[in-house]
Amino acid sequence: MLADRLHDAIAPFAESADALHFVTHSMGGLLARLYLAKHRPDRLQRVVMLAPPNSGSEVADLLRNIAPYRAFYGPAGQQLGTTMRQLFEQLPSIDYSVGIIAGDKTIDPLASHFIVPRPNDGRVSVESTRLHGMADHIVLGATHSGLLTHRDAIKQTIAFLHDGHFLRHEKAALETSIAAFRIPEAIEG
């Protein structure tokens, strides 16, 4: 299993780090869940998942029988579809801090408008990224692969790893405080 093969590379970091965080993209989020179920490091702190297909991907449903897709994604790609819900349900519940960043922009109008439920990033719907027990969830204006280099995704990832929540909480609190001091329109005039 792929999760077991990763253990040899991760174990040295897990033993020597004061705190260990995971940041994943797409199917990497599912892989991290499997890995942490089997080889959870003692010093695990937080996990950030970028566009994880936690409930599967409609794009994988569509492409699963196409030879280039099968060759590139292998057996794991066959398990990414929404028809494999029992596989997703078999993944252990999370009992560690997870923040999920979803995208809602696309450069693939076909998938975005006709295959994947909206809002989506062209590959994964925002709803499919959600995970029961997650600590926080945020949607950014980015594509599926664009999340990897998106400036706000990077800032939000760092914020979650540092504080355990995304930055919008502070922004929302500030906006609420400012709104409390605004003069109602009826008084203005």
N, C-alpha and C. Protein backbone atom coordinates (compact mmCIF):
# COMPACT_ATOMS: atom_id res chain seq x y z
N MET A 1 0.84 -1.17 0.00
CA MET A 1 0.00 0.00 0.00
C MET A 1 0.89 1.25 0.00
N LEU A 2 0.45 2.26 -0.72
CA LEU A 2 1.23 3.48 -0.87
C LEU A 2 1.51 4.16 0.47
N ALA A 3 0.56 4.13 1.38
CA ALA A 3 0.77 4.74 2.70
C ALA A 3 1.94 4.09 3.44
N ASP A 4 2.09 2.80 3.31
CA ASP A 4 3.20 2.09 3.96
C ASP A 4 4.53 2.47 3.32
N ARG A 5 4.53 2.66 2.01
CA ARG A 5 5.77 3.03 1.32
C ARG A 5 6.26 4.42 1.73
N LEU A 6 5.34 5.29 2.10
CA LEU A 6 5.71 6.62 2.55
C LEU A 6 6.35 6.63 3.94
N HIS A 7 6.04 5.62 4.71
CA HIS A 7 6.48 5.61 6.11
C HIS A 7 8.00 5.69 6.24
N ASP A 8 8.74 5.00 5.40
CA ASP A 8 10.20 5.03 5.48
C ASP A 8 10.76 6.44 5.27
N ALA A 9 10.11 7.22 4.42
CA ALA A 9 10.58 8.58 4.17
C ALA A 9 10.15 9.55 5.28
N ILE A 10 8.99 9.32 5.87
CA ILE A 10 8.46 10.23 6.87
C ILE A 10 8.98 9.94 8.28
N ALA A 11 9.23 8.69 8.58
CA ALA A 11 9.60 8.28 9.95
C ALA A 11 10.78 9.06 10.53
N PRO A 12 11.87 9.30 9.79
CA PRO A 12 12.97 10.07 10.39
C PRO A 12 12.57 11.48 10.83
N PHE A 13 11.71 12.13 10.04
CA PHE A 13 11.23 13.46 10.42
C PHE A 13 10.33 13.37 11.65
N ALA A 14 9.50 12.35 11.68
CA ALA A 14 8.56 12.19 12.78
C ALA A 14 9.27 11.98 14.10
N GLU A 15 10.41 11.31 14.07
CA GLU A 15 11.14 11.03 15.29
C GLU A 15 11.92 12.23 15.81
N SER A 16 12.36 13.10 14.91
CA SER A 16 13.23 14.20 15.34
C SER A 16 12.54 15.56 15.44
N ALA A 17 11.37 15.71 14.89
CA ALA A 17 10.69 17.02 14.87
C ALA A 17 10.00 17.30 16.20
N ASP A 18 10.01 18.58 16.56
CA ASP A 18 9.26 19.00 17.75
C ASP A 18 7.76 18.92 17.47
N ALA A 19 7.38 19.28 16.25
CA ALA A 19 5.99 19.22 15.82
C ALA A 19 5.99 18.81 14.35
N LEU A 20 5.02 18.00 13.97
CA LEU A 20 4.95 17.53 12.60
C LEU A 20 3.60 17.92 12.00
N HIS A 21 3.64 18.59 10.86
CA HIS A 21 2.44 19.00 10.14
C HIS A 21 2.46 18.33 8.77
N PHE A 22 1.28 18.14 8.20
CA PHE A 22 1.15 17.64 6.84
C PHE A 22 0.39 18.67 6.02
N VAL A 23 0.85 18.91 4.80
CA VAL A 23 0.13 19.73 3.84
C VAL A 23 -0.01 18.88 2.59
N THR A 24 -1.24 18.69 2.14
CA THR A 24 -1.50 17.80 1.02
C THR A 24 -2.26 18.51 -0.09
N HIS A 25 -2.25 17.89 -1.25
CA HIS A 25 -3.04 18.40 -2.38
C HIS A 25 -3.81 17.24 -2.99
N SER A 26 -5.08 17.46 -3.25
CA SER A 26 -5.93 16.52 -3.97
C SER A 26 -5.93 15.14 -3.32
N MET A 27 -5.59 14.11 -4.09
CA MET A 27 -5.60 12.75 -3.57
C MET A 27 -4.62 12.58 -2.41
N GLY A 28 -3.65 13.47 -2.28
CA GLY A 28 -2.72 13.41 -1.15
C GLY A 28 -3.42 13.52 0.19
N GLY A 29 -4.57 14.21 0.23
CA GLY A 29 -5.34 14.30 1.46
C GLY A 29 -5.87 12.94 1.90
N LEU A 30 -6.33 12.15 0.94
CA LEU A 30 -6.81 10.80 1.25
C LEU A 30 -5.65 9.91 1.69
N LEU A 31 -4.52 10.07 1.00
CA LEU A 31 -3.34 9.30 1.35
C LEU A 31 -2.86 9.65 2.76
N ALA A 32 -2.89 10.93 3.10
CA ALA A 32 -2.49 11.34 4.46
C ALA A 32 -3.42 10.73 5.50
N ARG A 33 -4.71 10.69 5.22
CA ARG A 33 -5.65 10.09 6.17
C ARG A 33 -5.33 8.62 6.38
N LEU A 34 -5.03 7.91 5.30
CA LEU A 34 -4.66 6.50 5.42
C LEU A 34 -3.35 6.34 6.19
N TYR A 35 -2.37 7.16 5.85
CA TYR A 35 -1.07 7.10 6.50
C TYR A 35 -1.20 7.37 8.00
N LEU A 36 -1.92 8.41 8.36
CA LEU A 36 -2.05 8.77 9.77
C LEU A 36 -2.85 7.74 10.56
N ALA A 37 -3.73 7.01 9.89
CA ALA A 37 -4.46 5.94 10.57
C ALA A 37 -3.52 4.79 10.94
N LYS A 38 -2.52 4.55 10.12
CA LYS A 38 -1.60 3.43 10.35
C LYS A 38 -0.31 3.81 11.06
N HIS A 39 0.18 5.00 10.80
CA HIS A 39 1.51 5.40 11.29
C HIS A 39 1.47 6.79 11.93
N ARG A 40 0.52 7.03 12.76
CA ARG A 40 0.37 8.38 13.31
C ARG A 40 1.57 8.77 14.18
N PRO A 41 2.26 9.85 13.80
CA PRO A 41 3.41 10.30 14.60
C PRO A 41 2.94 10.87 15.95
N ASP A 42 3.74 10.66 16.98
CA ASP A 42 3.40 11.18 18.31
C ASP A 42 3.30 12.70 18.31
N ARG A 43 4.10 13.36 17.49
CA ARG A 43 4.16 14.82 17.51
C ARG A 43 3.31 15.47 16.41
N LEU A 44 2.34 14.71 15.90
CA LEU A 44 1.45 15.26 14.87
C LEU A 44 0.69 16.45 15.45
N GLN A 45 0.68 17.55 14.71
CA GLN A 45 -0.05 18.73 15.17
C GLN A 45 -1.23 19.05 14.24
N ARG A 46 -0.94 19.48 13.02
CA ARG A 46 -2.03 19.92 12.15
C ARG A 46 -1.84 19.41 10.73
N VAL A 47 -2.98 19.34 10.02
CA VAL A 47 -2.99 18.90 8.63
C VAL A 47 -3.79 19.92 7.82
N VAL A 48 -3.22 20.38 6.71
CA VAL A 48 -3.95 21.23 5.77
C VAL A 48 -4.10 20.44 4.48
N MET A 49 -5.35 20.35 4.01
CA MET A 49 -5.64 19.66 2.76
C MET A 49 -6.11 20.69 1.73
N LEU A 50 -5.45 20.72 0.59
CA LEU A 50 -5.84 21.58 -0.52
C LEU A 50 -6.65 20.74 -1.50
N ALA A 51 -7.90 21.09 -1.71
CA ALA A 51 -8.78 20.45 -2.69
C ALA A 51 -8.84 18.93 -2.58
N PRO A 52 -9.04 18.38 -1.38
CA PRO A 52 -9.11 16.93 -1.25
C PRO A 52 -10.47 16.39 -1.73
N PRO A 53 -10.50 15.33 -2.50
CA PRO A 53 -11.78 14.75 -2.92
C PRO A 53 -12.32 13.81 -1.84
N ASN A 54 -12.63 14.35 -0.67
CA ASN A 54 -13.04 13.52 0.46
C ASN A 54 -14.31 12.72 0.22
N SER A 55 -15.12 13.14 -0.75
CA SER A 55 -16.31 12.36 -1.12
C SER A 55 -16.22 11.89 -2.56
N GLY A 56 -15.03 11.88 -3.12
CA GLY A 56 -14.84 11.41 -4.48
C GLY A 56 -14.88 12.53 -5.51
N SER A 57 -14.58 12.16 -6.74
CA SER A 57 -14.53 13.13 -7.84
C SER A 57 -15.36 12.63 -9.01
N GLU A 58 -16.26 13.49 -9.47
CA GLU A 58 -17.08 13.16 -10.65
C GLU A 58 -16.22 13.05 -11.90
N VAL A 59 -15.12 13.78 -11.95
CA VAL A 59 -14.21 13.69 -13.09
C VAL A 59 -13.62 12.28 -13.16
N ALA A 60 -13.26 11.72 -12.00
CA ALA A 60 -12.73 10.35 -11.97
C ALA A 60 -13.80 9.36 -12.43
N ASP A 61 -15.06 9.61 -12.07
CA ASP A 61 -16.16 8.75 -12.55
C ASP A 61 -16.18 8.72 -14.08
N LEU A 62 -16.05 9.89 -14.67
CA LEU A 62 -16.13 10.01 -16.12
C LEU A 62 -14.93 9.38 -16.84
N LEU A 63 -13.74 9.56 -16.27
CA LEU A 63 -12.51 9.14 -16.96
C LEU A 63 -12.02 7.74 -16.60
N ARG A 64 -12.60 7.11 -15.62
CA ARG A 64 -12.07 5.85 -15.08
C ARG A 64 -11.82 4.76 -16.12
N ASN A 65 -12.57 4.72 -17.20
CA ASN A 65 -12.39 3.67 -18.21
C ASN A 65 -11.57 4.11 -19.41
N ILE A 66 -11.00 5.30 -19.36
CA ILE A 66 -10.19 5.80 -20.47
C ILE A 66 -8.73 5.40 -20.21
N ALA A 67 -8.11 4.77 -21.20
CA ALA A 67 -6.77 4.18 -21.04
C ALA A 67 -5.71 5.16 -20.53
N PRO A 68 -5.57 6.37 -21.07
CA PRO A 68 -4.53 7.27 -20.54
C PRO A 68 -4.75 7.62 -19.06
N TYR A 69 -6.00 7.80 -18.67
CA TYR A 69 -6.30 8.07 -17.26
C TYR A 69 -5.89 6.88 -16.39
N ARG A 70 -6.28 5.70 -16.84
CA ARG A 70 -5.95 4.48 -16.07
C ARG A 70 -4.43 4.30 -15.96
N ALA A 71 -3.72 4.58 -17.04
CA ALA A 71 -2.26 4.41 -17.03
C ALA A 71 -1.60 5.43 -16.11
N PHE A 72 -2.06 6.68 -16.14
CA PHE A 72 -1.42 7.73 -15.35
C PHE A 72 -1.76 7.61 -13.87
N TYR A 73 -3.02 7.38 -13.54
CA TYR A 73 -3.45 7.38 -12.14
C TYR A 73 -3.45 5.99 -11.50
N GLY A 74 -3.36 4.94 -12.30
CA GLY A 74 -3.28 3.60 -11.76
C GLY A 74 -4.48 3.20 -10.92
N PRO A 75 -4.29 2.20 -10.04
CA PRO A 75 -5.40 1.71 -9.20
C PRO A 75 -5.99 2.79 -8.30
N ALA A 76 -5.16 3.71 -7.82
CA ALA A 76 -5.68 4.77 -6.94
C ALA A 76 -6.69 5.65 -7.68
N GLY A 77 -6.43 5.91 -8.96
CA GLY A 77 -7.36 6.71 -9.75
C GLY A 77 -8.71 6.06 -9.90
N GLN A 78 -8.73 4.74 -9.89
CA GLN A 78 -9.98 4.01 -10.00
C GLN A 78 -10.81 4.12 -8.71
N GLN A 79 -10.14 4.44 -7.63
CA GLN A 79 -10.83 4.54 -6.34
C GLN A 79 -11.27 5.96 -6.01
N LEU A 80 -10.99 6.92 -6.88
CA LEU A 80 -11.32 8.32 -6.61
C LEU A 80 -12.74 8.71 -6.95
N GLY A 81 -13.46 7.87 -7.66
CA GLY A 81 -14.80 8.23 -8.10
C GLY A 81 -15.80 8.29 -6.96
N THR A 82 -16.90 8.97 -7.22
CA THR A 82 -17.96 9.10 -6.22
C THR A 82 -18.67 7.77 -5.97
N THR A 83 -18.53 6.84 -6.91
CA THR A 83 -19.16 5.53 -6.74
C THR A 83 -18.43 4.68 -5.71
N MET A 84 -17.28 5.13 -5.27
CA MET A 84 -16.49 4.39 -4.28
C MET A 84 -16.73 4.93 -2.87
N ARG A 85 -17.94 5.39 -2.60
CA ARG A 85 -18.25 5.99 -1.30
C ARG A 85 -17.89 5.07 -0.14
N GLN A 86 -18.08 3.76 -0.30
CA GLN A 86 -17.75 2.84 0.80
C GLN A 86 -16.27 2.91 1.15
N LEU A 87 -15.41 3.16 0.17
CA LEU A 87 -13.99 3.32 0.44
C LEU A 87 -13.75 4.55 1.31
N PHE A 88 -14.39 5.65 0.97
CA PHE A 88 -14.22 6.88 1.74
C PHE A 88 -14.78 6.72 3.15
N GLU A 89 -15.89 6.00 3.26
CA GLU A 89 -16.50 5.78 4.56
C GLU A 89 -15.64 4.86 5.43
N GLN A 90 -14.80 4.03 4.83
CA GLN A 90 -13.92 3.14 5.59
C GLN A 90 -12.69 3.85 6.13
N LEU A 91 -12.39 5.02 5.58
CA LEU A 91 -11.26 5.77 6.12
C LEU A 91 -11.57 6.14 7.56
N PRO A 92 -10.59 6.05 8.43
CA PRO A 92 -10.84 6.36 9.84
C PRO A 92 -11.27 7.82 10.03
N SER A 93 -12.07 8.03 11.07
CA SER A 93 -12.46 9.39 11.43
C SER A 93 -11.21 10.14 11.84
N ILE A 94 -11.23 11.44 11.61
CA ILE A 94 -10.08 12.24 12.01
C ILE A 94 -10.23 12.64 13.48
N ASP A 95 -9.15 12.57 14.20
CA ASP A 95 -9.13 13.02 15.60
C ASP A 95 -7.90 13.90 15.81
N TYR A 96 -7.58 14.64 14.76
CA TYR A 96 -6.48 15.60 14.76
C TYR A 96 -6.99 16.84 14.01
N SER A 97 -6.28 17.92 14.13
CA SER A 97 -6.72 19.20 13.58
C SER A 97 -6.50 19.26 12.06
N VAL A 98 -7.60 19.39 11.32
CA VAL A 98 -7.55 19.45 9.86
C VAL A 98 -8.20 20.73 9.38
N GLY A 99 -7.49 21.46 8.52
CA GLY A 99 -8.04 22.62 7.83
C GLY A 99 -8.08 22.31 6.36
N ILE A 100 -9.20 22.64 5.71
CA ILE A 100 -9.37 22.31 4.30
C ILE A 100 -9.56 23.59 3.50
N ILE A 101 -8.80 23.70 2.42
CA ILE A 101 -8.91 24.83 1.50
C ILE A 101 -9.44 24.30 0.17
N ALA A 102 -10.59 24.82 -0.24
CA ALA A 102 -11.20 24.44 -1.52
C ALA A 102 -11.09 25.61 -2.48
N GLY A 103 -11.11 25.29 -3.77
CA GLY A 103 -11.10 26.31 -4.81
C GLY A 103 -12.45 26.39 -5.48
N ASP A 104 -12.77 27.55 -6.06
CA ASP A 104 -14.04 27.67 -6.77
C ASP A 104 -13.90 28.34 -8.14
N LYS A 105 -12.70 28.26 -8.72
CA LYS A 105 -12.46 28.79 -10.07
C LYS A 105 -11.99 27.65 -10.96
N THR A 106 -12.17 27.82 -12.25
CA THR A 106 -11.74 26.76 -13.17
C THR A 106 -11.34 27.34 -14.52
N ILE A 107 -10.49 26.61 -15.20
CA ILE A 107 -10.16 26.94 -16.59
C ILE A 107 -10.72 25.86 -17.51
N ASP A 108 -11.49 24.94 -16.94
CA ASP A 108 -12.08 23.84 -17.68
C ASP A 108 -13.61 23.97 -17.64
N PRO A 109 -14.18 24.75 -18.57
CA PRO A 109 -15.62 24.99 -18.50
C PRO A 109 -16.46 23.73 -18.68
N LEU A 110 -15.97 22.76 -19.42
CA LEU A 110 -16.74 21.53 -19.61
C LEU A 110 -16.96 20.82 -18.28
N ALA A 111 -15.87 20.52 -17.58
CA ALA A 111 -15.98 19.83 -16.29
C ALA A 111 -16.71 20.69 -15.28
N SER A 112 -16.38 21.96 -15.24
CA SER A 112 -16.94 22.86 -14.25
C SER A 112 -18.44 23.04 -14.38
N HIS A 113 -18.95 23.07 -15.60
CA HIS A 113 -20.36 23.34 -15.80
C HIS A 113 -21.22 22.10 -16.02
N PHE A 114 -20.62 21.00 -16.49
CA PHE A 114 -21.44 19.85 -16.85
C PHE A 114 -21.13 18.57 -16.07
N ILE A 115 -20.02 18.51 -15.36
CA ILE A 115 -19.63 17.25 -14.71
C ILE A 115 -19.60 17.39 -13.19
N VAL A 116 -18.92 18.41 -12.70
CA VAL A 116 -18.71 18.57 -11.26
C VAL A 116 -19.75 19.54 -10.70
N PRO A 117 -20.45 19.15 -9.61
CA PRO A 117 -21.42 20.08 -9.01
C PRO A 117 -20.76 21.40 -8.63
N ARG A 118 -21.50 22.48 -8.81
CA ARG A 118 -20.98 23.81 -8.48
C ARG A 118 -21.25 24.13 -7.03
N PRO A 119 -20.43 24.96 -6.44
CA PRO A 119 -19.16 25.50 -6.92
C PRO A 119 -18.08 24.42 -6.91
N ASN A 120 -17.07 24.60 -7.77
CA ASN A 120 -16.00 23.61 -7.89
C ASN A 120 -14.75 24.27 -8.44
N ASP A 121 -13.67 23.50 -8.42
CA ASP A 121 -12.39 23.99 -8.93
C ASP A 121 -12.03 23.39 -10.28
N GLY A 122 -13.03 22.77 -10.93
CA GLY A 122 -12.82 22.12 -12.21
C GLY A 122 -12.56 20.62 -12.07
N ARG A 123 -12.22 20.17 -10.87
CA ARG A 123 -11.95 18.76 -10.62
C ARG A 123 -12.73 18.22 -9.42
N VAL A 124 -12.85 19.05 -8.39
CA VAL A 124 -13.49 18.62 -7.14
C VAL A 124 -14.49 19.69 -6.71
N SER A 125 -15.69 19.26 -6.33
CA SER A 125 -16.67 20.23 -5.84
C SER A 125 -16.29 20.70 -4.44
N VAL A 126 -16.68 21.91 -4.12
CA VAL A 126 -16.41 22.43 -2.78
C VAL A 126 -17.03 21.51 -1.74
N GLU A 127 -18.23 21.03 -2.00
CA GLU A 127 -18.90 20.15 -1.05
C GLU A 127 -18.12 18.85 -0.82
N SER A 128 -17.52 18.32 -1.87
CA SER A 128 -16.77 17.07 -1.76
C SER A 128 -15.49 17.23 -0.94
N THR A 129 -15.01 18.45 -0.79
CA THR A 129 -13.79 18.66 0.00
C THR A 129 -14.06 18.55 1.50
N ARG A 130 -15.28 18.78 1.90
CA ARG A 130 -15.61 18.81 3.34
C ARG A 130 -15.39 17.45 3.99
N LEU A 131 -15.08 17.50 5.28
CA LEU A 131 -14.77 16.29 6.03
C LEU A 131 -15.35 16.42 7.44
N HIS A 132 -16.10 15.43 7.86
CA HIS A 132 -16.68 15.46 9.20
C HIS A 132 -15.55 15.55 10.24
N GLY A 133 -15.66 16.50 11.14
CA GLY A 133 -14.65 16.67 12.17
C GLY A 133 -13.55 17.66 11.84
N MET A 134 -13.58 18.25 10.64
CA MET A 134 -12.54 19.22 10.27
C MET A 134 -12.61 20.41 11.21
N ALA A 135 -11.45 21.01 11.46
CA ALA A 135 -11.39 22.17 12.34
C ALA A 135 -11.83 23.44 11.63
N ASP A 136 -11.52 23.55 10.33
CA ASP A 136 -11.87 24.75 9.58
C ASP A 136 -11.92 24.43 8.10
N HIS A 137 -12.65 25.26 7.36
CA HIS A 137 -12.82 25.08 5.91
C HIS A 137 -12.93 26.47 5.30
N ILE A 138 -12.26 26.67 4.19
CA ILE A 138 -12.33 27.97 3.51
C ILE A 138 -12.31 27.73 2.00
N VAL A 139 -12.99 28.63 1.28
CA VAL A 139 -13.04 28.55 -0.18
C VAL A 139 -12.33 29.78 -0.74
N LEU A 140 -11.39 29.53 -1.65
CA LEU A 140 -10.63 30.61 -2.29
C LEU A 140 -10.90 30.60 -3.79
N GLY A 141 -10.71 31.74 -4.42
CA GLY A 141 -10.89 31.87 -5.86
C GLY A 141 -9.68 31.32 -6.60
N ALA A 142 -9.57 29.99 -6.65
CA ALA A 142 -8.43 29.33 -7.29
C ALA A 142 -8.88 28.05 -7.97
N THR A 143 -8.10 27.62 -8.95
CA THR A 143 -8.36 26.35 -9.63
C THR A 143 -7.76 25.21 -8.82
N HIS A 144 -8.06 24.00 -9.23
CA HIS A 144 -7.58 22.80 -8.52
C HIS A 144 -6.05 22.80 -8.39
N SER A 145 -5.36 22.87 -9.49
CA SER A 145 -3.89 22.86 -9.41
C SER A 145 -3.34 24.24 -9.05
N GLY A 146 -4.11 25.30 -9.29
CA GLY A 146 -3.68 26.63 -8.94
C GLY A 146 -3.56 26.86 -7.44
N LEU A 147 -4.25 26.06 -6.64
CA LEU A 147 -4.15 26.20 -5.18
C LEU A 147 -2.73 26.00 -4.69
N LEU A 148 -1.94 25.23 -5.42
CA LEU A 148 -0.57 24.94 -4.99
C LEU A 148 0.31 26.17 -4.92
N THR A 149 0.05 27.15 -5.78
CA THR A 149 0.88 28.35 -5.81
C THR A 149 0.09 29.64 -5.54
N HIS A 150 -1.16 29.50 -5.21
CA HIS A 150 -2.02 30.65 -4.95
C HIS A 150 -1.56 31.37 -3.68
N ARG A 151 -1.30 32.65 -3.79
CA ARG A 151 -0.76 33.44 -2.66
C ARG A 151 -1.63 33.32 -1.41
N ASP A 152 -2.95 33.44 -1.55
CA ASP A 152 -3.82 33.36 -0.38
C ASP A 152 -3.87 31.94 0.19
N ALA A 153 -3.78 30.93 -0.67
CA ALA A 153 -3.74 29.55 -0.17
C ALA A 153 -2.49 29.33 0.68
N ILE A 154 -1.39 29.88 0.23
CA ILE A 154 -0.14 29.75 1.00
C ILE A 154 -0.26 30.48 2.34
N LYS A 155 -0.80 31.70 2.33
CA LYS A 155 -0.99 32.45 3.57
C LYS A 155 -1.93 31.72 4.52
N GLN A 156 -3.02 31.19 3.97
CA GLN A 156 -3.99 30.48 4.80
C GLN A 156 -3.40 29.19 5.37
N THR A 157 -2.60 28.51 4.58
CA THR A 157 -1.94 27.29 5.05
C THR A 157 -1.03 27.61 6.24
N ILE A 158 -0.23 28.64 6.09
CA ILE A 158 0.68 29.04 7.17
C ILE A 158 -0.11 29.44 8.41
N ALA A 159 -1.19 30.19 8.22
CA ALA A 159 -2.01 30.62 9.35
C ALA A 159 -2.60 29.42 10.09
N PHE A 160 -3.11 28.46 9.33
CA PHE A 160 -3.71 27.28 9.98
C PHE A 160 -2.64 26.47 10.72
N LEU A 161 -1.50 26.28 10.10
CA LEU A 161 -0.43 25.52 10.77
C LEU A 161 0.02 26.24 12.04
N HIS A 162 0.01 27.54 12.02
CA HIS A 162 0.45 28.33 13.18
C HIS A 162 -0.62 28.42 14.27
N ASP A 163 -1.88 28.72 13.87
CA ASP A 163 -2.92 29.04 14.84
C ASP A 163 -4.07 28.05 14.93
N GLY A 164 -4.17 27.14 13.97
CA GLY A 164 -5.26 26.16 14.01
C GLY A 164 -6.56 26.65 13.41
N HIS A 165 -6.52 27.80 12.72
CA HIS A 165 -7.70 28.30 12.01
C HIS A 165 -7.24 29.23 10.89
N PHE A 166 -8.15 29.45 9.95
CA PHE A 166 -7.84 30.31 8.82
C PHE A 166 -8.05 31.78 9.19
N LEU A 167 -7.47 32.65 8.42
CA LEU A 167 -7.46 34.08 8.73
C LEU A 167 -8.82 34.76 8.66
N ARG A 168 -9.75 34.23 7.95
CA ARG A 168 -11.02 34.93 7.78
C ARG A 168 -11.76 35.13 9.09
N HIS A 169 -11.44 34.33 10.09
CA HIS A 169 -12.09 34.49 11.39
C HIS A 169 -11.76 35.86 11.97
N GLU A 170 -10.49 36.26 11.90
CA GLU A 170 -10.11 37.58 12.40
C GLU A 170 -10.72 38.68 11.56
N LYS A 171 -10.75 38.47 10.24
CA LYS A 171 -11.33 39.46 9.34
C LYS A 171 -12.82 39.62 9.64
N ALA A 172 -13.52 38.51 9.83
CA ALA A 172 -14.95 38.58 10.13
C ALA A 172 -15.18 39.28 11.46
N ALA A 173 -14.35 39.01 12.46
CA ALA A 173 -14.49 39.67 13.76
C ALA A 173 -14.25 41.17 13.62
N LEU A 174 -13.25 41.55 12.84
CA LEU A 174 -12.96 42.96 12.62
C LEU A 174 -14.12 43.64 11.89
N GLU A 175 -14.65 42.99 10.86
CA GLU A 175 -15.77 43.56 10.12
C GLU A 175 -16.99 43.73 11.02
N THR A 176 -17.22 42.77 11.91
CA THR A 176 -18.34 42.86 12.85
C THR A 176 -18.14 44.04 13.79
N SER A 177 -16.91 44.23 14.29
CA SER A 177 -16.62 45.36 15.17
C SER A 177 -16.83 46.68 14.46
N ILE A 178 -16.37 46.78 13.22
CA ILE A 178 -16.54 48.02 12.45
C ILE A 178 -18.02 48.28 12.18
N ALA A 179 -18.76 47.22 11.84
CA ALA A 179 -20.19 47.37 11.55
C ALA A 179 -20.95 47.89 12.77
N ALA A 180 -20.50 47.53 13.96
CA ALA A 180 -21.18 47.97 15.17
C ALA A 180 -21.07 49.48 15.35
N PHE A 181 -20.08 50.11 14.74
CA PHE A 181 -19.88 51.54 14.90
C PHE A 181 -20.40 52.35 13.71
N ARG A 182 -20.97 51.69 12.72
CA ARG A 182 -21.51 52.41 11.57
C ARG A 182 -22.83 53.08 11.93
N ILE A 183 -23.07 54.20 11.30
CA ILE A 183 -24.32 54.92 11.53
C ILE A 183 -25.37 54.31 10.60
N PRO A 184 -26.50 53.91 11.13
CA PRO A 184 -27.55 53.33 10.29
C PRO A 184 -27.95 54.29 9.17
N GLU A 185 -28.33 53.75 8.01
CA GLU A 185 -28.69 54.56 6.85
C GLU A 185 -29.87 55.47 7.15
N ALA A 186 -30.81 55.02 7.95
CA ALA A 186 -32.00 55.83 8.25
C ALA A 186 -31.61 57.12 8.97
N ILE A 187 -30.55 57.09 9.78
CA ILE A 187 -30.11 58.27 10.51
C ILE A 187 -29.32 59.19 9.57
N GLU A 188 -28.52 58.56 8.67
CA GLU A 188 -27.69 59.36 7.75
C GLU A 188 -28.54 60.18 6.81
N GLY A 189 -29.67 59.63 6.48
CA GLY A 189 -30.36 60.39 5.66
C GLY A 189 -31.23 60.65 4.69
